[in-house]
Amino acid sequence: MPTLEASLATFRELANRVGPSVLSGAMIPLCGATSRLEFHQQTYERIARTLRGYTRRSVISLLDIYRKAEKRLKALTQQGIELATPDEDELGKLMHTLVEIATANNLEITSCAEQLTCAYLAFGPAVRG
């Protein structure tokens, strides 16, 4: 699997060829314990800054734990990686921060087929930050 830096470089190269309106970037599966929410904020900010001008839209996704994936996810737990679903308040704070980051980087932020419970943020499919 390529590193984040390599993926971002490839994205920018492709955007230079086809234009920023064609590509959507920064699809981040959000998961992790509360202490890891800061990781998602920092990573999203890094991606948004790097892709500023190379795309107009970022798509985020919440981790959905499907039965087929449970065994592999348990293996992560055995390696010390804890997955947890943030509560609505934590998720709301994170979404608010992501919307601010997107706006600061001239990005539209959308969700990937998710019905996020953060309606008070005016956040969802194809809603500008």
Protein backbone atom coordinates (compact mmCIF):
# COMPACT_ATOMS: atom_id res chain seq x y z
CA MET A 1 0.00 0.00 0.00
CA PRO A 2 1.42 3.43 -0.90
CA THR A 3 2.17 5.99 1.78
CA LEU A 4 -0.11 8.98 2.27
CA GLU A 5 2.54 11.24 0.75
CA ALA A 6 2.83 9.04 -2.35
CA SER A 7 -0.95 8.92 -2.72
CA LEU A 8 -1.23 12.70 -2.45
CA ALA A 9 1.53 13.19 -5.01
CA THR A 10 -0.25 10.83 -7.41
CA PHE A 11 -3.54 12.66 -6.81
CA ARG A 12 -1.94 16.03 -7.60
CA GLU A 13 -0.31 14.68 -10.74
CA LEU A 14 -3.62 13.28 -11.94
CA ALA A 15 -5.44 16.53 -11.09
CA ASN A 16 -2.90 18.43 -13.18
CA ARG A 17 -3.87 16.22 -16.12
CA VAL A 18 -7.67 16.20 -15.77
CA GLY A 19 -8.44 19.28 -13.68
CA PRO A 20 -9.61 19.83 -10.10
CA SER A 21 -13.32 19.60 -10.85
CA VAL A 22 -13.04 15.96 -11.97
CA LEU A 23 -11.51 14.42 -8.85
CA SER A 24 -12.82 14.07 -5.31
CA GLY A 25 -10.20 13.67 -2.63
CA ALA A 26 -9.56 12.95 1.00
CA MET A 27 -11.85 10.02 1.59
CA ILE A 28 -11.07 9.19 5.19
CA PRO A 29 -12.64 6.25 7.03
CA LEU A 30 -13.24 7.73 10.46
CA CYS A 31 -12.81 5.31 13.32
CA GLY A 32 -10.93 4.98 16.54
CA ALA A 33 -11.11 5.63 20.21
CA THR A 34 -11.81 9.14 21.46
CA SER A 35 -8.11 9.84 21.89
CA ARG A 36 -7.63 9.13 18.19
CA LEU A 37 -10.12 11.79 17.00
CA GLU A 38 -7.26 14.29 17.04
CA PHE A 39 -5.44 12.01 14.61
CA HIS A 40 -8.32 12.34 12.14
CA GLN A 41 -8.36 16.13 12.49
CA GLN A 42 -4.61 16.39 11.91
CA THR A 43 -4.63 13.96 9.00
CA TYR A 44 -7.60 15.64 7.33
CA GLU A 45 -5.95 19.04 7.70
CA ARG A 46 -2.75 17.72 6.14
CA ILE A 47 -4.66 16.20 3.22
CA ALA A 48 -6.82 19.30 2.72
CA ARG A 49 -3.80 21.63 2.68
CA THR A 50 -1.92 19.39 0.29
CA LEU A 51 -4.85 19.02 -2.12
CA ARG A 52 -5.93 22.68 -1.99
CA GLY A 53 -6.36 23.78 -5.60
CA TYR A 54 -6.13 20.20 -6.89
CA THR A 55 -9.71 19.26 -6.04
CA ARG A 56 -12.89 21.02 -5.05
CA ARG A 57 -14.47 18.24 -3.00
CA SER A 58 -13.46 15.97 -0.17
CA VAL A 59 -15.43 12.91 0.83
CA ILE A 60 -15.34 11.40 4.29
CA SER A 61 -16.75 8.15 5.53
CA LEU A 62 -17.45 6.60 8.89
CA LEU A 63 -16.17 3.11 9.50
CA ASP A 64 -18.95 0.57 9.21
CA ILE A 65 -18.05 -2.70 10.88
CA TYR A 66 -19.49 -5.52 8.82
CA ARG A 67 -19.67 -9.11 9.98
CA LYS A 68 -17.22 -10.24 7.26
CA ALA A 69 -14.61 -7.77 8.55
CA GLU A 70 -14.97 -8.52 12.27
CA LYS A 71 -12.28 -11.21 12.29
CA ARG A 72 -9.72 -8.92 10.64
CA LEU A 73 -10.67 -6.06 12.95
CA LYS A 74 -10.18 -8.31 15.98
CA ALA A 75 -6.66 -8.97 14.71
CA LEU A 76 -6.04 -5.22 14.91
CA THR A 77 -7.19 -5.22 18.53
CA GLN A 78 -4.67 -7.96 19.27
CA GLN A 79 -1.99 -5.64 17.83
CA GLY A 80 -3.03 -2.88 20.21
CA ILE A 81 -5.19 -0.91 17.78
CA GLU A 82 -8.50 -0.19 19.43
CA LEU A 83 -11.49 0.67 17.28
CA ALA A 84 -14.39 2.45 18.88
CA THR A 85 -17.34 4.44 17.65
CA PRO A 86 -17.31 8.03 18.90
CA ASP A 87 -20.49 9.20 20.59
CA GLU A 88 -22.66 11.85 18.94
CA ASP A 89 -21.05 14.73 20.84
CA GLU A 90 -17.52 13.65 19.90
CA LEU A 91 -18.57 13.06 16.32
CA GLY A 92 -20.26 16.47 16.20
CA LYS A 93 -17.10 18.21 17.41
CA LEU A 94 -15.01 16.32 14.87
CA MET A 95 -17.39 17.13 12.01
CA HIS A 96 -17.46 20.80 13.00
CA THR A 97 -13.65 20.88 12.87
CA LEU A 98 -13.54 19.07 9.52
CA VAL A 99 -16.04 21.54 8.04
CA GLU A 100 -13.85 24.43 9.24
CA ILE A 101 -10.74 22.82 7.73
CA ALA A 102 -12.54 22.18 4.44
CA THR A 103 -13.81 25.76 4.27
CA ALA A 104 -10.33 27.15 4.99
CA ASN A 105 -8.99 25.10 2.07
CA ASN A 106 -11.78 25.94 -0.40
CA LEU A 107 -13.17 22.42 -0.32
CA GLU A 108 -16.73 21.18 -0.38
CA ILE A 109 -17.02 18.44 2.24
CA THR A 110 -19.46 15.61 1.72
CA SER A 111 -20.19 12.28 3.30
CA CYS A 112 -19.99 8.97 1.51
CA ALA A 113 -23.54 7.60 1.58
CA GLU A 114 -23.72 8.34 5.29
CA GLN A 115 -26.61 9.84 7.17
CA LEU A 116 -24.55 11.67 9.74
CA THR A 117 -26.40 12.73 12.84
CA CYS A 118 -24.75 16.16 12.80
CA ALA A 119 -27.56 17.93 10.94
CA TYR A 120 -26.99 21.10 12.96
CA LEU A 121 -23.71 21.51 11.05
CA ALA A 122 -25.49 21.59 7.68
CA PHE A 123 -23.22 18.70 6.74
CA GLY A 124 -24.07 15.85 4.45
CA PRO A 125 -24.02 14.85 0.83
CA ALA A 126 -22.97 17.80 -1.36
CA VAL A 127 -23.24 20.48 1.34
CA ARG A 128 -20.63 23.22 1.16
CA GLY A 129 -18.65 23.73 4.39
